[in-house]
Amino acid sequence: MGRAGRALKETLETYAISQNKLAVTMGMERTVVYRWVHERTDPTGETIVEIVRSLNQLDPSAAKAFIALYLIPVLNEY
């Protein structure tokens, strides 16, 4: 576990988006977002897409930052 939660935590902090605001935008309970941010669980691949969509609604720059933090390092491995 880890990369998604760390990327999400950094993104939320940088763009001053609360876990609750993201959870509401995604239509879920804040505790789910809390578990990702604190690396207790990992979001699924489909959920990553929903995180990006929700971040994009809240702040398009935050969505781009999350993608850069989460996906770009993986692409650079190849």
PDB file of N, CA and C in Angstrom:
ATOM      1  N   MET A   1       0.838  -1.183   0.000  1.00  0.00           N
ATOM      2  CA  MET A   1       0.000   0.000   0.000  1.00  0.00           C
ATOM      3  C   MET A   1       0.878   1.240   0.000  1.00  0.00           C
ATOM      4  N   GLY A   2       0.337   2.312  -0.564  1.00  0.00           N
ATOM      5  CA  GLY A   2       1.106   3.493  -0.404  1.00  0.00           C
ATOM      6  C   GLY A   2       1.056   4.580  -1.440  1.00  0.00           C
ATOM      7  N   ARG A   3       1.481   4.312  -2.667  1.00  0.00           N
ATOM      8  CA  ARG A   3       1.697   5.392  -3.628  1.00  0.00           C
ATOM      9  C   ARG A   3       0.437   6.240  -3.826  1.00  0.00           C
ATOM     10  N   ALA A   4      -0.709   5.643  -3.988  1.00  0.00           N
ATOM     11  CA  ALA A   4      -1.938   6.412  -4.217  1.00  0.00           C
ATOM     12  C   ALA A   4      -2.272   7.266  -3.003  1.00  0.00           C
ATOM     13  N   GLY A   5      -2.163   6.689  -1.828  1.00  0.00           N
ATOM     14  CA  GLY A   5      -2.465   7.434  -0.605  1.00  0.00           C
ATOM     15  C   GLY A   5      -1.520   8.599  -0.397  1.00  0.00           C
ATOM     16  N   ARG A   6      -0.232   8.373  -0.623  1.00  0.00           N
ATOM     17  CA  ARG A   6       0.745   9.453  -0.469  1.00  0.00           C
ATOM     18  C   ARG A   6       0.491  10.568  -1.484  1.00  0.00           C
ATOM     19  N   ALA A   7       0.215  10.174  -2.727  1.00  0.00           N
ATOM     20  CA  ALA A   7      -0.061  11.173  -3.775  1.00  0.00           C
ATOM     21  C   ALA A   7      -1.330  11.953  -3.450  1.00  0.00           C
ATOM     22  N   LEU A   8      -2.346  11.257  -2.970  1.00  0.00           N
ATOM     23  CA  LEU A   8      -3.604  11.920  -2.637  1.00  0.00           C
ATOM     24  C   LEU A   8      -3.414  12.864  -1.455  1.00  0.00           C
ATOM     25  N   LYS A   9      -2.714  12.414  -0.434  1.00  0.00           N
ATOM     26  CA  LYS A   9      -2.477  13.255   0.740  1.00  0.00           C
ATOM     27  C   LYS A   9      -1.747  14.533   0.345  1.00  0.00           C
ATOM     28  N   GLU A  10      -0.691  14.400  -0.432  1.00  0.00           N
ATOM     29  CA  GLU A  10       0.075  15.572  -0.861  1.00  0.00           C
ATOM     30  C   GLU A  10      -0.782  16.516  -1.699  1.00  0.00           C
ATOM     31  N   THR A  11      -1.584  15.955  -2.577  1.00  0.00           N
ATOM     32  CA  THR A  11      -2.443  16.772  -3.434  1.00  0.00           C
ATOM     33  C   THR A  11      -3.480  17.529  -2.612  1.00  0.00           C
ATOM     34  N   LEU A  12      -4.136  16.831  -1.695  1.00  0.00           N
ATOM     35  CA  LEU A  12      -5.149  17.491  -0.874  1.00  0.00           C
ATOM     36  C   LEU A  12      -4.547  18.603  -0.031  1.00  0.00           C
ATOM     37  N   GLU A  13      -3.380  18.350   0.530  1.00  0.00           N
ATOM     38  CA  GLU A  13      -2.722  19.371   1.350  1.00  0.00           C
ATOM     39  C   GLU A  13      -2.285  20.566   0.502  1.00  0.00           C
ATOM     40  N   THR A  14      -1.685  20.297  -0.639  1.00  0.00           N
ATOM     41  CA  THR A  14      -1.181  21.368  -1.501  1.00  0.00           C
ATOM     42  C   THR A  14      -2.296  22.276  -1.996  1.00  0.00           C
ATOM     43  N   TYR A  15      -3.431  21.684  -2.339  1.00  0.00           N
ATOM     44  CA  TYR A  15      -4.528  22.451  -2.919  1.00  0.00           C
ATOM     45  C   TYR A  15      -5.625  22.770  -1.909  1.00  0.00           C
ATOM     46  N   ALA A  16      -5.353  22.539  -0.630  1.00  0.00           N
ATOM     47  CA  ALA A  16      -6.293  22.859   0.458  1.00  0.00           C
ATOM     48  C   ALA A  16      -7.688  22.295   0.207  1.00  0.00           C
ATOM     49  N   ILE A  17      -7.718  21.035  -0.189  1.00  0.00           N
ATOM     50  CA  ILE A  17      -8.979  20.320  -0.391  1.00  0.00           C
ATOM     51  C   ILE A  17      -9.127  19.361   0.784  1.00  0.00           C
ATOM     52  N   SER A  18     -10.232  19.449   1.477  1.00  0.00           N
ATOM     53  CA  SER A  18     -10.431  18.566   2.625  1.00  0.00           C
ATOM     54  C   SER A  18     -10.819  17.157   2.170  1.00  0.00           C
ATOM     55  N   GLN A  19     -10.525  16.212   3.025  1.00  0.00           N
ATOM     56  CA  GLN A  19     -10.931  14.835   2.745  1.00  0.00           C
ATOM     57  C   GLN A  19     -12.446  14.769   2.605  1.00  0.00           C
ATOM     58  N   ASN A  20     -13.139  15.530   3.444  1.00  0.00           N
ATOM     59  CA  ASN A  20     -14.595  15.536   3.403  1.00  0.00           C
ATOM     60  C   ASN A  20     -15.110  16.085   2.072  1.00  0.00           C
ATOM     61  N   LYS A  21     -14.492  17.160   1.590  1.00  0.00           N
ATOM     62  CA  LYS A  21     -14.932  17.751   0.321  1.00  0.00           C
ATOM     63  C   LYS A  21     -14.745  16.765  -0.826  1.00  0.00           C
ATOM     64  N   LEU A  22     -13.619  16.067  -0.833  1.00  0.00           N
ATOM     65  CA  LEU A  22     -13.401  15.059  -1.874  1.00  0.00           C
ATOM     66  C   LEU A  22     -14.424  13.937  -1.746  1.00  0.00           C
ATOM     67  N   ALA A  23     -14.662  13.487  -0.525  1.00  0.00           N
ATOM     68  CA  ALA A  23     -15.618  12.400  -0.298  1.00  0.00           C
ATOM     69  C   ALA A  23     -17.016  12.794  -0.772  1.00  0.00           C
ATOM     70  N   VAL A  24     -17.443  13.990  -0.443  1.00  0.00           N
ATOM     71  CA  VAL A  24     -18.767  14.453  -0.877  1.00  0.00           C
ATOM     72  C   VAL A  24     -18.840  14.514  -2.391  1.00  0.00           C
ATOM     73  N   THR A  25     -17.799  15.035  -3.014  1.00  0.00           N
ATOM     74  CA  THR A  25     -17.767  15.128  -4.478  1.00  0.00           C
ATOM     75  C   THR A  25     -17.833  13.745  -5.111  1.00  0.00           C
ATOM     76  N   MET A  26     -17.204  12.768  -4.444  1.00  0.00           N
ATOM     77  CA  MET A  26     -17.206  11.402  -4.961  1.00  0.00           C
ATOM     78  C   MET A  26     -18.462  10.639  -4.575  1.00  0.00           C
ATOM     79  N   GLY A  27     -19.268  11.188  -3.660  1.00  0.00           N
ATOM     80  CA  GLY A  27     -20.486  10.514  -3.225  1.00  0.00           C
ATOM     81  C   GLY A  27     -20.223   9.362  -2.280  1.00  0.00           C
ATOM     82  N   MET A  28     -19.242   9.537  -1.397  1.00  0.00           N
ATOM     83  CA  MET A  28     -18.915   8.473  -0.444  1.00  0.00           C
ATOM     84  C   MET A  28     -18.634   9.074   0.924  1.00  0.00           C
ATOM     85  N   GLU A  29     -18.428   8.205   1.895  1.00  0.00           N
ATOM     86  CA  GLU A  29     -18.149   8.663   3.251  1.00  0.00           C
ATOM     87  C   GLU A  29     -16.697   9.112   3.380  1.00  0.00           C
ATOM     88  N   ARG A  30     -16.478  10.097   4.228  1.00  0.00           N
ATOM     89  CA  ARG A  30     -15.143  10.639   4.445  1.00  0.00           C
ATOM     90  C   ARG A  30     -14.184   9.591   4.975  1.00  0.00           C
ATOM     91  N   THR A  31     -14.683   8.622   5.717  1.00  0.00           N
ATOM     92  CA  THR A  31     -13.796   7.600   6.287  1.00  0.00           C
ATOM     93  C   THR A  31     -13.080   6.796   5.209  1.00  0.00           C
ATOM     94  N   VAL A  32     -13.703   6.653   4.051  1.00  0.00           N
ATOM     95  CA  VAL A  32     -13.062   5.929   2.950  1.00  0.00           C
ATOM     96  C   VAL A  32     -11.841   6.712   2.463  1.00  0.00           C
ATOM     97  N   VAL A  33     -12.018   8.007   2.273  1.00  0.00           N
ATOM     98  CA  VAL A  33     -10.906   8.860   1.834  1.00  0.00           C
ATOM     99  C   VAL A  33      -9.820   8.876   2.916  1.00  0.00           C
ATOM    100  N   TYR A  34     -10.238   8.955   4.168  1.00  0.00           N
ATOM    101  CA  TYR A  34      -9.296   8.928   5.292  1.00  0.00           C
ATOM    102  C   TYR A  34      -8.417   7.681   5.218  1.00  0.00           C
ATOM    103  N   ARG A  35      -9.009   6.533   4.946  1.00  0.00           N
ATOM    104  CA  ARG A  35      -8.245   5.273   4.876  1.00  0.00           C
ATOM    105  C   ARG A  35      -7.235   5.292   3.737  1.00  0.00           C
ATOM    106  N   TRP A  36      -7.574   5.922   2.615  1.00  0.00           N
ATOM    107  CA  TRP A  36      -6.603   6.034   1.514  1.00  0.00           C
ATOM    108  C   TRP A  36      -5.450   6.942   1.905  1.00  0.00           C
ATOM    109  N   VAL A  37      -5.796   8.120   2.442  1.00  0.00           N
ATOM    110  CA  VAL A  37      -4.784   9.123   2.785  1.00  0.00           C
ATOM    111  C   VAL A  37      -3.819   8.600   3.846  1.00  0.00           C
ATOM    112  N   HIS A  38      -4.330   7.798   4.756  1.00  0.00           N
ATOM    113  CA  HIS A  38      -3.494   7.255   5.829  1.00  0.00           C
ATOM    114  C   HIS A  38      -2.969   5.854   5.508  1.00  0.00           C
ATOM    115  N   GLU A  39      -3.082   5.485   4.234  1.00  0.00           N
ATOM    116  CA  GLU A  39      -2.515   4.246   3.701  1.00  0.00           C
ATOM    117  C   GLU A  39      -2.987   2.992   4.431  1.00  0.00           C
ATOM    118  N   ARG A  40      -4.247   3.005   4.841  1.00  0.00           N
ATOM    119  CA  ARG A  40      -4.833   1.817   5.462  1.00  0.00           C
ATOM    120  C   ARG A  40      -5.402   0.883   4.393  1.00  0.00           C
ATOM    121  N   THR A  41      -5.893   1.498   3.315  1.00  0.00           N
ATOM    122  CA  THR A  41      -6.377   0.743   2.155  1.00  0.00           C
ATOM    123  C   THR A  41      -5.954   1.491   0.901  1.00  0.00           C
ATOM    124  N   ASP A  42      -5.955   0.794  -0.212  1.00  0.00           N
ATOM    125  CA  ASP A  42      -5.638   1.405  -1.501  1.00  0.00           C
ATOM    126  C   ASP A  42      -6.917   1.508  -2.330  1.00  0.00           C
ATOM    127  N   PRO A  43      -7.087   2.603  -3.044  1.00  0.00           N
ATOM    128  CA  PRO A  43      -8.219   2.687  -3.960  1.00  0.00           C
ATOM    129  C   PRO A  43      -8.005   1.738  -5.142  1.00  0.00           C
ATOM    130  N   THR A  44      -9.092   1.243  -5.690  1.00  0.00           N
ATOM    131  CA  THR A  44      -9.009   0.374  -6.865  1.00  0.00           C
ATOM    132  C   THR A  44      -8.671   1.214  -8.094  1.00  0.00           C
ATOM    133  N   GLY A  45      -8.366   0.552  -9.180  1.00  0.00           N
ATOM    134  CA  GLY A  45      -8.077   1.250 -10.429  1.00  0.00           C
ATOM    135  C   GLY A  45      -9.244   2.115 -10.878  1.00  0.00           C
ATOM    136  N   GLU A  46     -10.450   1.583 -10.776  1.00  0.00           N
ATOM    137  CA  GLU A  46     -11.634   2.354 -11.158  1.00  0.00           C
ATOM    138  C   GLU A  46     -11.817   3.557 -10.242  1.00  0.00           C
ATOM    139  N   THR A  47     -11.478   3.371  -8.976  1.00  0.00           N
ATOM    140  CA  THR A  47     -11.613   4.467  -8.019  1.00  0.00           C
ATOM    141  C   THR A  47     -10.601   5.567  -8.291  1.00  0.00           C
ATOM    142  N   ILE A  48      -9.411   5.196  -8.751  1.00  0.00           N
ATOM    143  CA  ILE A  48      -8.412   6.206  -9.120  1.00  0.00           C
ATOM    144  C   ILE A  48      -8.995   7.138 -10.178  1.00  0.00           C
ATOM    145  N   VAL A  49      -9.701   6.578 -11.138  1.00  0.00           N
ATOM    146  CA  VAL A  49     -10.338   7.385 -12.182  1.00  0.00           C
ATOM    147  C   VAL A  49     -11.359   8.329 -11.557  1.00  0.00           C
ATOM    148  N   GLU A  50     -12.133   7.840 -10.600  1.00  0.00           N
ATOM    149  CA  GLU A  50     -13.123   8.680  -9.936  1.00  0.00           C
ATOM    150  C   GLU A  50     -12.462   9.765  -9.091  1.00  0.00           C
ATOM    151  N   ILE A  51     -11.342   9.448  -8.474  1.00  0.00           N
ATOM    152  CA  ILE A  51     -10.593  10.458  -7.717  1.00  0.00           C
ATOM    153  C   ILE A  51     -10.165  11.584  -8.657  1.00  0.00           C
ATOM    154  N   VAL A  52      -9.610  11.216  -9.807  1.00  0.00           N
ATOM    155  CA  VAL A  52      -9.163  12.224 -10.773  1.00  0.00           C
ATOM    156  C   VAL A  52     -10.347  13.065 -11.251  1.00  0.00           C
ATOM    157  N   ARG A  53     -11.458  12.432 -11.564  1.00  0.00           N
ATOM    158  CA  ARG A  53     -12.643  13.174 -12.019  1.00  0.00           C
ATOM    159  C   ARG A  53     -13.131  14.149 -10.944  1.00  0.00           C
ATOM    160  N   SER A  54     -13.152  13.682  -9.706  1.00  0.00           N
ATOM    161  CA  SER A  54     -13.627  14.529  -8.607  1.00  0.00           C
ATOM    162  C   SER A  54     -12.659  15.668  -8.332  1.00  0.00           C
ATOM    163  N   LEU A  55     -11.373  15.366  -8.330  1.00  0.00           N
ATOM    164  CA  LEU A  55     -10.393  16.433  -8.154  1.00  0.00           C
ATOM    165  C   LEU A  55     -10.510  17.454  -9.277  1.00  0.00           C
ATOM    166  N   ASN A  56     -10.755  16.994 -10.478  1.00  0.00           N
ATOM    167  CA  ASN A  56     -10.899  17.891 -11.619  1.00  0.00           C
ATOM    168  C   ASN A  56     -12.083  18.840 -11.438  1.00  0.00           C
ATOM    169  N   GLN A  57     -13.155  18.346 -10.838  1.00  0.00           N
ATOM    170  CA  GLN A  57     -14.314  19.201 -10.549  1.00  0.00           C
ATOM    171  C   GLN A  57     -13.965  20.261  -9.509  1.00  0.00           C
ATOM    172  N   LEU A  58     -13.178  19.858  -8.512  1.00  0.00           N
ATOM    173  CA  LEU A  58     -12.826  20.769  -7.422  1.00  0.00           C
ATOM    174  C   LEU A  58     -11.736  21.764  -7.819  1.00  0.00           C
ATOM    175  N   ASP A  59     -10.736  21.261  -8.537  1.00  0.00           N
ATOM    176  CA  ASP A  59      -9.614  22.112  -8.970  1.00  0.00           C
ATOM    177  C   ASP A  59      -8.831  21.331 -10.023  1.00  0.00           C
ATOM    178  N   PRO A  60      -8.949  21.697 -11.274  1.00  0.00           N
ATOM    179  CA  PRO A  60      -8.250  20.972 -12.338  1.00  0.00           C
ATOM    180  C   PRO A  60      -6.746  20.836 -12.108  1.00  0.00           C
ATOM    181  N   SER A  61      -6.143  21.831 -11.479  1.00  0.00           N
ATOM    182  CA  SER A  61      -4.710  21.736 -11.184  1.00  0.00           C
ATOM    183  C   SER A  61      -4.415  20.622 -10.192  1.00  0.00           C
ATOM    184  N   ALA A  62      -5.321  20.402  -9.267  1.00  0.00           N
ATOM    185  CA  ALA A  62      -5.155  19.321  -8.290  1.00  0.00           C
ATOM    186  C   ALA A  62      -5.223  17.963  -8.980  1.00  0.00           C
ATOM    187  N   ALA A  63      -6.112  17.826  -9.930  1.00  0.00           N
ATOM    188  CA  ALA A  63      -6.215  16.570 -10.676  1.00  0.00           C
ATOM    189  C   ALA A  63      -4.915  16.285 -11.422  1.00  0.00           C
ATOM    190  N   LYS A  64      -4.371  17.298 -12.057  1.00  0.00           N
ATOM    191  CA  LYS A  64      -3.111  17.134 -12.793  1.00  0.00           C
ATOM    192  C   LYS A  64      -1.962  16.802 -11.845  1.00  0.00           C
ATOM    193  N   ALA A  65      -1.961  17.432 -10.682  1.00  0.00           N
ATOM    194  CA  ALA A  65      -0.905  17.157  -9.694  1.00  0.00           C
ATOM    195  C   ALA A  65      -0.986  15.722  -9.199  1.00  0.00           C
ATOM    196  N   PHE A  66      -2.205  15.243  -8.927  1.00  0.00           N
ATOM    197  CA  PHE A  66      -2.378  13.867  -8.474  1.00  0.00           C
ATOM    198  C   PHE A  66      -1.876  12.886  -9.530  1.00  0.00           C
ATOM    199  N   ILE A  67      -2.227  13.133 -10.778  1.00  0.00           N
ATOM    200  CA  ILE A  67      -1.760  12.270 -11.867  1.00  0.00           C
ATOM    201  C   ILE A  67      -0.238  12.273 -11.920  1.00  0.00           C
ATOM    202  N   ALA A  68       0.344  13.455 -11.814  1.00  0.00           N
ATOM    203  CA  ALA A  68       1.808  13.558 -11.870  1.00  0.00           C
ATOM    204  C   ALA A  68       2.459  12.805 -10.720  1.00  0.00           C
ATOM    205  N   LEU A  69       1.901  12.924  -9.533  1.00  0.00           N
ATOM    206  CA  LEU A  69       2.479  12.251  -8.363  1.00  0.00           C
ATOM    207  C   LEU A  69       2.264  10.745  -8.384  1.00  0.00           C
ATOM    208  N   TYR A  70       1.115  10.328  -8.883  1.00  0.00           N
ATOM    209  CA  TYR A  70       0.763   8.905  -8.826  1.00  0.00           C
ATOM    210  C   TYR A  70       1.191   8.117 -10.059  1.00  0.00           C
ATOM    211  N   LEU A  71       0.927   8.643 -11.235  1.00  0.00           N
ATOM    212  CA  LEU A  71       1.144   7.853 -12.454  1.00  0.00           C
ATOM    213  C   LEU A  71       2.481   8.094 -13.140  1.00  0.00           C
ATOM    214  N   ILE A  72       2.956   9.315 -13.172  1.00  0.00           N
ATOM    215  CA  ILE A  72       4.179   9.619 -13.903  1.00  0.00           C
ATOM    216  C   ILE A  72       5.358   8.807 -13.394  1.00  0.00           C
ATOM    217  N   PRO A  73       5.538   8.657 -12.073  1.00  0.00           N
ATOM    218  CA  PRO A  73       6.666   7.812 -11.598  1.00  0.00           C
ATOM    219  C   PRO A  73       6.588   6.379 -12.128  1.00  0.00           C
ATOM    220  N   VAL A  74       5.389   5.854 -12.273  1.00  0.00           N
ATOM    221  CA  VAL A  74       5.216   4.489 -12.787  1.00  0.00           C
ATOM    222  C   VAL A  74       5.636   4.433 -14.242  1.00  0.00           C
ATOM    223  N   LEU A  75       5.226   5.416 -15.023  1.00  0.00           N
ATOM    224  CA  LEU A  75       5.585   5.456 -16.438  1.00  0.00           C
ATOM    225  C   LEU A  75       7.077   5.610 -16.648  1.00  0.00           C
ATOM    226  N   ASN A  76       7.746   6.319 -15.738  1.00  0.00           N
ATOM    227  CA  ASN A  76       9.172   6.520 -15.857  1.00  0.00           C
ATOM    228  C   ASN A  76       9.984   5.256 -15.549  1.00  0.00           C
ATOM    229  N   GLU A  77       9.346   4.249 -14.970  1.00  0.00           N
ATOM    230  CA  GLU A  77      10.010   2.989 -14.688  1.00  0.00           C
ATOM    231  C   GLU A  77      10.252   2.174 -15.959  1.00  0.00           C
ATOM    232  N   TYR A  78       9.541   2.529 -17.040  1.00  0.00           N
ATOM    233  CA  TYR A  78       9.633   1.739 -18.267  1.00  0.00           C
ATOM    234  C   TYR A  78      10.446   2.417 -19.332  1.00  0.00           C
TER     235      TYR A  78
END
